[in-house]
Amino acid sequence: MYKILIIGMGNLLMSDDGLGVLAIKELHKRYKQQAEICCLEIGTSILNYVTDIGKAETLIAIDAIAVGNRPGTIYRIYANDAYLTDRKYFFMDIHVAGIHEAIALSRELTGLPSKVFIYGIEPHTLKEGFFISNEVKTSLKKLLDIVQRDIDSILKKEIR
């Protein structure tokens, strides 16, 4: 069991799409000494980690989120049950399964995670290449501080 499972999603070979993987490497440095927190770099294969997701009380996912806003825009989503069970987010093809499907499957198997937070940054580019745009680099530093603040808040509430 994990109190908090943090997953970094994305593809490092597709520029800003790799921001979740870079974020998880930094968060691992910050939390590697805390047994109640697990950091996993999952890349683009979230269904391979359904078992791990099903062991987490709280799931924190970090990924690029492209919805058309200004590059570098930071997103913080508390994914409540209505958000996660809205069928418009689900694909019927396992080859394009994403976080919604992985969480639904994990919950079906174990009842967990009970809380889900999704963090992301609007990418500037998703071109092939091993680089992160300046807009995303600047926002990534801010995002890491937001995630750390939220993790610390979650841990304090569980101690009380």
N, C-alpha and C. Protein backbone atom coordinates (compact mmCIF):
# COMPACT_ATOMS: atom_id res chain seq x y z
N MET A 1 0.83 -1.19 0.00
CA MET A 1 0.00 0.00 0.00
C MET A 1 0.88 1.25 0.00
N TYR A 2 0.41 2.23 -0.73
CA TYR A 2 1.05 3.54 -0.74
C TYR A 2 0.05 4.56 -0.24
N LYS A 3 0.49 5.46 0.61
CA LYS A 3 -0.38 6.59 0.93
C LYS A 3 -0.53 7.45 -0.30
N ILE A 4 0.60 7.67 -1.00
CA ILE A 4 0.58 8.48 -2.21
C ILE A 4 1.43 7.79 -3.28
N LEU A 5 0.84 7.61 -4.44
CA LEU A 5 1.57 7.13 -5.61
C LEU A 5 1.60 8.29 -6.60
N ILE A 6 2.80 8.68 -7.01
CA ILE A 6 2.97 9.75 -7.99
C ILE A 6 3.46 9.11 -9.28
N ILE A 7 2.74 9.36 -10.37
CA ILE A 7 3.15 8.79 -11.65
C ILE A 7 3.47 9.92 -12.63
N GLY A 8 4.56 9.72 -13.35
CA GLY A 8 4.97 10.65 -14.40
C GLY A 8 4.69 10.01 -15.74
N MET A 9 3.86 10.69 -16.53
CA MET A 9 3.42 10.13 -17.81
C MET A 9 4.01 10.94 -18.96
N GLY A 10 4.12 10.30 -20.13
CA GLY A 10 4.54 11.02 -21.31
C GLY A 10 5.69 10.34 -22.02
N ASN A 11 6.09 10.95 -23.13
CA ASN A 11 7.13 10.40 -24.00
C ASN A 11 8.27 11.41 -24.12
N LEU A 12 9.42 11.08 -23.57
CA LEU A 12 10.58 11.97 -23.60
C LEU A 12 11.05 12.29 -25.02
N LEU A 13 10.72 11.44 -25.98
CA LEU A 13 11.18 11.64 -27.35
C LEU A 13 10.28 12.60 -28.14
N MET A 14 9.21 13.07 -27.50
CA MET A 14 8.26 13.97 -28.17
C MET A 14 8.21 15.33 -27.47
N SER A 15 9.36 15.90 -27.23
CA SER A 15 9.52 17.24 -26.65
C SER A 15 8.68 17.42 -25.39
N ASP A 16 7.78 18.40 -25.37
CA ASP A 16 7.05 18.75 -24.15
C ASP A 16 6.18 17.61 -23.60
N ASP A 17 5.89 16.60 -24.40
CA ASP A 17 5.13 15.46 -23.91
C ASP A 17 5.88 14.73 -22.80
N GLY A 18 7.17 14.92 -22.70
CA GLY A 18 7.97 14.25 -21.68
C GLY A 18 7.99 14.94 -20.33
N LEU A 19 7.22 16.00 -20.15
CA LEU A 19 7.30 16.77 -18.90
C LEU A 19 6.92 15.96 -17.67
N GLY A 20 6.01 15.02 -17.79
CA GLY A 20 5.63 14.19 -16.65
C GLY A 20 6.76 13.29 -16.18
N VAL A 21 7.53 12.80 -17.14
CA VAL A 21 8.68 11.95 -16.82
C VAL A 21 9.76 12.78 -16.12
N LEU A 22 10.01 13.98 -16.61
CA LEU A 22 10.98 14.86 -15.97
C LEU A 22 10.52 15.25 -14.56
N ALA A 23 9.24 15.51 -14.41
CA ALA A 23 8.71 15.87 -13.10
C ALA A 23 8.89 14.75 -12.10
N ILE A 24 8.65 13.51 -12.51
CA ILE A 24 8.74 12.39 -11.57
C ILE A 24 10.18 12.17 -11.12
N LYS A 25 11.13 12.43 -11.98
CA LYS A 25 12.55 12.30 -11.59
C LYS A 25 12.89 13.29 -10.49
N GLU A 26 12.38 14.51 -10.61
CA GLU A 26 12.63 15.53 -9.58
C GLU A 26 11.89 15.20 -8.28
N LEU A 27 10.65 14.78 -8.38
CA LEU A 27 9.89 14.43 -7.18
C LEU A 27 10.47 13.22 -6.47
N HIS A 28 11.02 12.29 -7.23
CA HIS A 28 11.69 11.14 -6.61
C HIS A 28 12.85 11.60 -5.73
N LYS A 29 13.61 12.57 -6.20
CA LYS A 29 14.72 13.12 -5.40
C LYS A 29 14.19 13.71 -4.09
N ARG A 30 13.06 14.39 -4.17
CA ARG A 30 12.51 15.07 -3.00
C ARG A 30 11.89 14.09 -1.99
N TYR A 31 11.36 12.95 -2.47
CA TYR A 31 10.59 12.07 -1.60
C TYR A 31 11.16 10.66 -1.47
N LYS A 32 12.36 10.40 -1.95
CA LYS A 32 12.87 9.03 -1.95
C LYS A 32 13.07 8.45 -0.55
N GLN A 33 13.15 9.28 0.46
CA GLN A 33 13.35 8.81 1.83
C GLN A 33 12.03 8.53 2.56
N GLN A 34 10.91 8.82 1.92
CA GLN A 34 9.62 8.65 2.59
C GLN A 34 8.94 7.38 2.09
N ALA A 35 8.81 6.41 2.97
CA ALA A 35 8.28 5.09 2.60
C ALA A 35 6.82 5.13 2.16
N GLU A 36 6.05 6.12 2.63
CA GLU A 36 4.63 6.16 2.28
C GLU A 36 4.36 6.76 0.90
N ILE A 37 5.44 7.20 0.23
CA ILE A 37 5.30 7.79 -1.10
C ILE A 37 6.10 6.96 -2.10
N CYS A 38 5.45 6.65 -3.22
CA CYS A 38 6.13 5.93 -4.30
C CYS A 38 6.05 6.78 -5.56
N CYS A 39 7.17 6.92 -6.25
CA CYS A 39 7.24 7.65 -7.51
C CYS A 39 7.52 6.66 -8.63
N LEU A 40 6.67 6.68 -9.67
CA LEU A 40 6.85 5.77 -10.80
C LEU A 40 6.87 6.55 -12.11
N GLU A 41 7.87 6.26 -12.91
CA GLU A 41 7.93 6.78 -14.28
C GLU A 41 7.22 5.76 -15.15
N ILE A 42 6.05 6.11 -15.66
CA ILE A 42 5.30 5.12 -16.43
C ILE A 42 5.32 5.40 -17.92
N GLY A 43 5.80 6.54 -18.33
CA GLY A 43 5.88 6.83 -19.76
C GLY A 43 4.52 6.81 -20.40
N THR A 44 4.36 5.95 -21.42
CA THR A 44 3.10 5.90 -22.17
C THR A 44 2.34 4.59 -21.97
N SER A 45 2.72 3.81 -20.99
CA SER A 45 2.10 2.49 -20.82
C SER A 45 1.40 2.36 -19.47
N ILE A 46 0.39 3.18 -19.25
CA ILE A 46 -0.28 3.23 -17.95
C ILE A 46 -0.94 1.91 -17.56
N LEU A 47 -1.46 1.15 -18.51
CA LEU A 47 -2.14 -0.10 -18.15
C LEU A 47 -1.19 -1.12 -17.54
N ASN A 48 0.10 -0.99 -17.80
CA ASN A 48 1.08 -1.89 -17.16
C ASN A 48 1.19 -1.63 -15.66
N TYR A 49 0.61 -0.53 -15.18
CA TYR A 49 0.76 -0.13 -13.79
C TYR A 49 -0.56 -0.14 -13.02
N VAL A 50 -1.56 -0.81 -13.56
CA VAL A 50 -2.86 -0.89 -12.90
C VAL A 50 -2.72 -1.48 -11.49
N THR A 51 -1.89 -2.48 -11.33
CA THR A 51 -1.69 -3.10 -10.01
C THR A 51 -1.13 -2.09 -9.02
N ASP A 52 -0.15 -1.30 -9.45
CA ASP A 52 0.42 -0.27 -8.57
C ASP A 52 -0.62 0.80 -8.23
N ILE A 53 -1.37 1.24 -9.22
CA ILE A 53 -2.39 2.26 -9.00
C ILE A 53 -3.43 1.74 -8.00
N GLY A 54 -3.74 0.47 -8.08
CA GLY A 54 -4.71 -0.14 -7.17
C GLY A 54 -4.21 -0.33 -5.75
N LYS A 55 -2.97 0.03 -5.47
CA LYS A 55 -2.40 -0.05 -4.12
C LYS A 55 -2.28 1.33 -3.48
N ALA A 56 -2.76 2.37 -4.15
CA ALA A 56 -2.55 3.74 -3.68
C ALA A 56 -3.82 4.33 -3.10
N GLU A 57 -3.71 4.90 -1.90
CA GLU A 57 -4.83 5.64 -1.34
C GLU A 57 -5.07 6.91 -2.17
N THR A 58 -3.98 7.60 -2.51
CA THR A 58 -4.05 8.82 -3.32
C THR A 58 -3.15 8.66 -4.52
N LEU A 59 -3.68 8.95 -5.69
CA LEU A 59 -2.89 8.93 -6.93
C LEU A 59 -2.69 10.36 -7.40
N ILE A 60 -1.44 10.68 -7.71
CA ILE A 60 -1.09 11.95 -8.31
C ILE A 60 -0.47 11.64 -9.66
N ALA A 61 -1.08 12.15 -10.72
CA ALA A 61 -0.59 11.92 -12.08
C ALA A 61 -0.13 13.24 -12.68
N ILE A 62 1.01 13.20 -13.37
CA ILE A 62 1.56 14.40 -14.01
C ILE A 62 1.81 14.09 -15.48
N ASP A 63 1.29 14.98 -16.34
CA ASP A 63 1.38 14.74 -17.78
C ASP A 63 1.20 16.07 -18.52
N ALA A 64 1.54 16.07 -19.79
CA ALA A 64 1.20 17.19 -20.65
C ALA A 64 -0.31 17.13 -20.89
N ILE A 65 -0.95 18.30 -20.86
CA ILE A 65 -2.39 18.37 -21.09
C ILE A 65 -2.62 19.43 -22.17
N ALA A 66 -2.95 18.97 -23.36
CA ALA A 66 -3.13 19.86 -24.50
C ALA A 66 -4.62 20.10 -24.74
N VAL A 67 -5.09 21.27 -24.32
CA VAL A 67 -6.48 21.62 -24.56
C VAL A 67 -6.62 22.94 -25.32
N GLY A 68 -5.51 23.51 -25.74
CA GLY A 68 -5.55 24.71 -26.57
C GLY A 68 -5.34 26.03 -25.86
N ASN A 69 -4.98 26.00 -24.60
CA ASN A 69 -4.68 27.24 -23.89
C ASN A 69 -3.24 27.67 -24.16
N ARG A 70 -2.85 28.77 -23.54
CA ARG A 70 -1.50 29.31 -23.72
C ARG A 70 -0.46 28.29 -23.27
N PRO A 71 0.59 28.05 -24.07
CA PRO A 71 1.64 27.13 -23.65
C PRO A 71 2.21 27.54 -22.29
N GLY A 72 2.39 26.55 -21.43
CA GLY A 72 2.87 26.80 -20.09
C GLY A 72 1.77 26.91 -19.05
N THR A 73 0.50 26.92 -19.48
CA THR A 73 -0.61 26.97 -18.54
C THR A 73 -0.57 25.73 -17.65
N ILE A 74 -0.69 25.94 -16.36
CA ILE A 74 -0.65 24.85 -15.38
C ILE A 74 -2.07 24.41 -15.05
N TYR A 75 -2.27 23.10 -14.99
CA TYR A 75 -3.58 22.53 -14.64
C TYR A 75 -3.45 21.70 -13.37
N ARG A 76 -4.46 21.83 -12.52
CA ARG A 76 -4.57 21.00 -11.32
C ARG A 76 -6.02 20.55 -11.26
N ILE A 77 -6.24 19.26 -11.40
CA ILE A 77 -7.60 18.72 -11.45
C ILE A 77 -7.78 17.72 -10.31
N TYR A 78 -8.78 17.96 -9.50
CA TYR A 78 -9.17 16.94 -8.52
C TYR A 78 -10.19 16.08 -9.24
N ALA A 79 -9.81 14.87 -9.53
CA ALA A 79 -10.65 13.97 -10.33
C ALA A 79 -11.60 13.22 -9.43
N ASN A 80 -12.78 13.80 -9.22
CA ASN A 80 -13.78 13.14 -8.38
C ASN A 80 -14.44 12.00 -9.15
N ASP A 81 -15.32 11.31 -8.49
CA ASP A 81 -15.96 10.15 -9.11
C ASP A 81 -16.73 10.51 -10.37
N ALA A 82 -17.42 11.65 -10.38
CA ALA A 82 -18.19 12.03 -11.57
C ALA A 82 -17.27 12.25 -12.76
N TYR A 83 -16.14 12.89 -12.53
CA TYR A 83 -15.17 13.13 -13.60
C TYR A 83 -14.63 11.81 -14.15
N LEU A 84 -14.33 10.89 -13.26
CA LEU A 84 -13.72 9.63 -13.67
C LEU A 84 -14.71 8.64 -14.25
N THR A 85 -15.98 8.80 -13.98
CA THR A 85 -16.94 7.84 -14.51
C THR A 85 -17.75 8.38 -15.68
N ASP A 86 -17.49 9.62 -16.07
CA ASP A 86 -18.18 10.20 -17.24
C ASP A 86 -17.72 9.44 -18.48
N ARG A 87 -18.62 8.75 -19.13
CA ARG A 87 -18.27 7.86 -20.25
C ARG A 87 -17.63 8.59 -21.43
N LYS A 88 -17.78 9.90 -21.54
CA LYS A 88 -17.19 10.59 -22.68
C LYS A 88 -15.66 10.55 -22.63
N TYR A 89 -15.10 10.27 -21.46
CA TYR A 89 -13.64 10.21 -21.34
C TYR A 89 -13.09 8.82 -21.64
N PHE A 90 -13.94 7.82 -21.76
CA PHE A 90 -13.46 6.46 -21.90
C PHE A 90 -13.41 6.01 -23.36
N PHE A 91 -12.37 5.25 -23.67
CA PHE A 91 -12.22 4.67 -24.99
C PHE A 91 -12.63 3.21 -24.91
N MET A 92 -13.09 2.69 -25.99
CA MET A 92 -13.48 1.29 -26.01
C MET A 92 -12.36 0.39 -26.54
N ASP A 93 -11.26 0.98 -26.95
CA ASP A 93 -10.13 0.25 -27.51
C ASP A 93 -8.97 0.25 -26.51
N ILE A 94 -8.55 -0.91 -26.08
CA ILE A 94 -7.48 -1.02 -25.09
C ILE A 94 -6.17 -0.40 -25.57
N HIS A 95 -5.99 -0.28 -26.88
CA HIS A 95 -4.75 0.27 -27.41
C HIS A 95 -4.64 1.78 -27.21
N VAL A 96 -5.73 2.42 -26.93
CA VAL A 96 -5.70 3.86 -26.66
C VAL A 96 -6.19 4.16 -25.24
N ALA A 97 -6.10 3.19 -24.37
CA ALA A 97 -6.53 3.38 -22.99
C ALA A 97 -5.62 4.39 -22.30
N GLY A 98 -6.22 5.19 -21.44
CA GLY A 98 -5.48 6.21 -20.73
C GLY A 98 -5.71 6.13 -19.23
N ILE A 99 -5.49 7.26 -18.60
CA ILE A 99 -5.55 7.30 -17.14
C ILE A 99 -6.95 6.98 -16.61
N HIS A 100 -8.00 7.45 -17.30
CA HIS A 100 -9.36 7.18 -16.83
C HIS A 100 -9.63 5.68 -16.78
N GLU A 101 -9.24 4.99 -17.83
CA GLU A 101 -9.46 3.54 -17.89
C GLU A 101 -8.63 2.82 -16.83
N ALA A 102 -7.39 3.25 -16.64
CA ALA A 102 -6.52 2.61 -15.64
C ALA A 102 -7.08 2.78 -14.23
N ILE A 103 -7.57 3.97 -13.93
CA ILE A 103 -8.15 4.21 -12.61
C ILE A 103 -9.43 3.39 -12.43
N ALA A 104 -10.27 3.38 -13.44
CA ALA A 104 -11.51 2.60 -13.36
C ALA A 104 -11.22 1.12 -13.13
N LEU A 105 -10.25 0.59 -13.85
CA LEU A 105 -9.88 -0.82 -13.70
C LEU A 105 -9.29 -1.08 -12.31
N SER A 106 -8.43 -0.20 -11.85
CA SER A 106 -7.84 -0.34 -10.51
C SER A 106 -8.92 -0.33 -9.44
N ARG A 107 -9.86 0.58 -9.57
CA ARG A 107 -10.95 0.66 -8.60
C ARG A 107 -11.83 -0.58 -8.64
N GLU A 108 -12.03 -1.11 -9.82
CA GLU A 108 -12.83 -2.34 -9.94
C GLU A 108 -12.13 -3.50 -9.23
N LEU A 109 -10.81 -3.54 -9.30
CA LEU A 109 -10.04 -4.64 -8.71
C LEU A 109 -9.84 -4.49 -7.21
N THR A 110 -9.55 -3.26 -6.73
CA THR A 110 -9.17 -3.09 -5.32
C THR A 110 -9.96 -2.02 -4.58
N GLY A 111 -10.71 -1.20 -5.30
CA GLY A 111 -11.40 -0.09 -4.65
C GLY A 111 -10.56 1.15 -4.51
N LEU A 112 -9.32 1.09 -4.95
CA LEU A 112 -8.40 2.22 -4.83
C LEU A 112 -7.94 2.66 -6.22
N PRO A 113 -7.51 3.87 -6.35
CA PRO A 113 -7.26 4.92 -5.35
C PRO A 113 -8.54 5.64 -4.96
N SER A 114 -8.58 6.11 -3.72
CA SER A 114 -9.77 6.83 -3.27
C SER A 114 -9.73 8.29 -3.68
N LYS A 115 -8.54 8.86 -3.85
CA LYS A 115 -8.40 10.25 -4.30
C LYS A 115 -7.47 10.28 -5.50
N VAL A 116 -7.80 11.14 -6.47
CA VAL A 116 -6.99 11.28 -7.67
C VAL A 116 -6.80 12.75 -7.99
N PHE A 117 -5.55 13.14 -8.17
CA PHE A 117 -5.21 14.49 -8.60
C PHE A 117 -4.41 14.37 -9.89
N ILE A 118 -4.80 15.16 -10.87
CA ILE A 118 -4.09 15.17 -12.16
C ILE A 118 -3.51 16.57 -12.35
N TYR A 119 -2.22 16.61 -12.59
CA TYR A 119 -1.51 17.87 -12.81
C TYR A 119 -0.94 17.85 -14.21
N GLY A 120 -0.90 19.00 -14.82
CA GLY A 120 -0.32 19.06 -16.15
C GLY A 120 0.04 20.46 -16.56
N ILE A 121 0.66 20.52 -17.71
CA ILE A 121 1.07 21.79 -18.31
C ILE A 121 0.70 21.73 -19.78
N GLU A 122 0.16 22.84 -20.27
CA GLU A 122 -0.14 22.97 -21.70
C GLU A 122 1.19 22.99 -22.46
N PRO A 123 1.39 22.05 -23.38
CA PRO A 123 2.66 22.01 -24.12
C PRO A 123 2.75 23.12 -25.17
N HIS A 124 3.97 23.50 -25.47
CA HIS A 124 4.22 24.43 -26.58
C HIS A 124 4.34 23.64 -27.88
N THR A 125 5.01 22.50 -27.79
CA THR A 125 5.21 21.66 -28.98
C THR A 125 5.24 20.19 -28.58
N LEU A 126 4.79 19.36 -29.49
CA LEU A 126 4.84 17.91 -29.30
C LEU A 126 5.61 17.28 -30.46
N LYS A 127 6.52 18.05 -31.04
CA LYS A 127 7.35 17.55 -32.15
C LYS A 127 8.34 16.52 -31.64
N GLU A 128 8.82 15.69 -32.57
CA GLU A 128 9.88 14.75 -32.21
C GLU A 128 11.09 15.53 -31.77
N GLY A 129 11.71 15.06 -30.70
CA GLY A 129 12.92 15.70 -30.20
C GLY A 129 13.01 15.57 -28.70
N PHE A 130 14.22 15.51 -28.24
CA PHE A 130 14.50 15.33 -26.82
C PHE A 130 14.79 16.69 -26.21
N PHE A 131 13.73 17.51 -26.04
CA PHE A 131 13.88 18.83 -25.45
C PHE A 131 12.55 19.26 -24.85
N ILE A 132 12.62 20.23 -23.96
CA ILE A 132 11.44 20.83 -23.35
C ILE A 132 11.48 22.32 -23.70
N SER A 133 10.37 22.86 -24.15
CA SER A 133 10.31 24.28 -24.52
C SER A 133 10.52 25.18 -23.30
N ASN A 134 10.93 26.40 -23.54
CA ASN A 134 11.16 27.35 -22.45
C ASN A 134 9.89 27.62 -21.65
N GLU A 135 8.74 27.71 -22.33
CA GLU A 135 7.47 27.94 -21.62
C GLU A 135 7.18 26.82 -20.63
N VAL A 136 7.40 25.59 -21.05
CA VAL A 136 7.12 24.46 -20.18
C VAL A 136 8.18 24.34 -19.07
N LYS A 137 9.45 24.62 -19.38
CA LYS A 137 10.49 24.60 -18.34
C LYS A 137 10.15 25.55 -17.20
N THR A 138 9.74 26.76 -17.56
CA THR A 138 9.39 27.75 -16.54
C THR A 138 8.20 27.28 -15.70
N SER A 139 7.19 26.75 -16.36
CA SER A 139 5.99 26.28 -15.64
C SER A 139 6.27 25.02 -14.83
N LEU A 140 7.18 24.18 -15.30
CA LEU A 140 7.47 22.93 -14.60
C LEU A 140 8.01 23.20 -13.20
N LYS A 141 8.83 24.20 -13.05
CA LYS A 141 9.35 24.56 -11.72
C LYS A 141 8.20 24.94 -10.80
N LYS A 142 7.26 25.74 -11.30
CA LYS A 142 6.11 26.14 -10.51
C LYS A 142 5.22 24.94 -10.19
N LEU A 143 5.01 24.08 -11.18
CA LEU A 143 4.16 22.90 -10.98
C LEU A 143 4.74 22.00 -9.89
N LEU A 144 6.03 21.80 -9.90
CA LEU A 144 6.66 20.94 -8.88
C LEU A 144 6.43 21.50 -7.48
N ASP A 145 6.49 22.80 -7.33
CA ASP A 145 6.22 23.41 -6.03
C ASP A 145 4.76 23.23 -5.61
N ILE A 146 3.84 23.34 -6.57
CA ILE A 146 2.41 23.13 -6.28
C ILE A 146 2.18 21.68 -5.86
N VAL A 147 2.75 20.74 -6.59
CA VAL A 147 2.58 19.32 -6.25
C VAL A 147 3.18 19.03 -4.87
N GLN A 148 4.36 19.56 -4.60
CA GLN A 148 4.98 19.34 -3.30
C GLN A 148 4.12 19.91 -2.17
N ARG A 149 3.57 21.09 -2.36
CA ARG A 149 2.69 21.69 -1.36
C ARG A 149 1.47 20.80 -1.11
N ASP A 150 0.89 20.29 -2.19
CA ASP A 150 -0.28 19.42 -2.05
C ASP A 150 0.07 18.10 -1.36
N ILE A 151 1.20 17.52 -1.70
CA ILE A 151 1.63 16.27 -1.06
C ILE A 151 1.83 16.50 0.43
N ASP A 152 2.50 17.57 0.78
CA ASP A 152 2.73 17.87 2.19
C ASP A 152 1.41 18.07 2.93
N SER A 153 0.44 18.70 2.27
CA SER A 153 -0.88 18.90 2.88
C SER A 153 -1.60 17.56 3.07
N ILE A 154 -1.53 16.68 2.08
CA ILE A 154 -2.15 15.35 2.19
C ILE A 154 -1.54 14.57 3.34
N LEU A 155 -0.24 14.60 3.46
CA LEU A 155 0.44 13.86 4.53
C LEU A 155 0.09 14.42 5.91
N LYS A 156 -0.01 15.72 6.04
CA LYS A 156 -0.37 16.33 7.33
C LYS A 156 -1.78 15.93 7.75
N LYS A 157 -2.71 15.90 6.80
CA LYS A 157 -4.09 15.52 7.12
C LYS A 157 -4.17 14.07 7.55
N GLU A 158 -3.33 13.21 6.99
CA GLU A 158 -3.37 11.79 7.34
C GLU A 158 -2.73 11.53 8.68
N ILE A 159 -1.84 12.42 9.12
CA ILE A 159 -1.18 12.24 10.41
C ILE A 159 -2.15 12.59 11.54
N ARG A 160 -3.00 13.59 11.33
CA ARG A 160 -3.93 14.05 12.37
C ARG A 160 -5.00 13.06 12.68
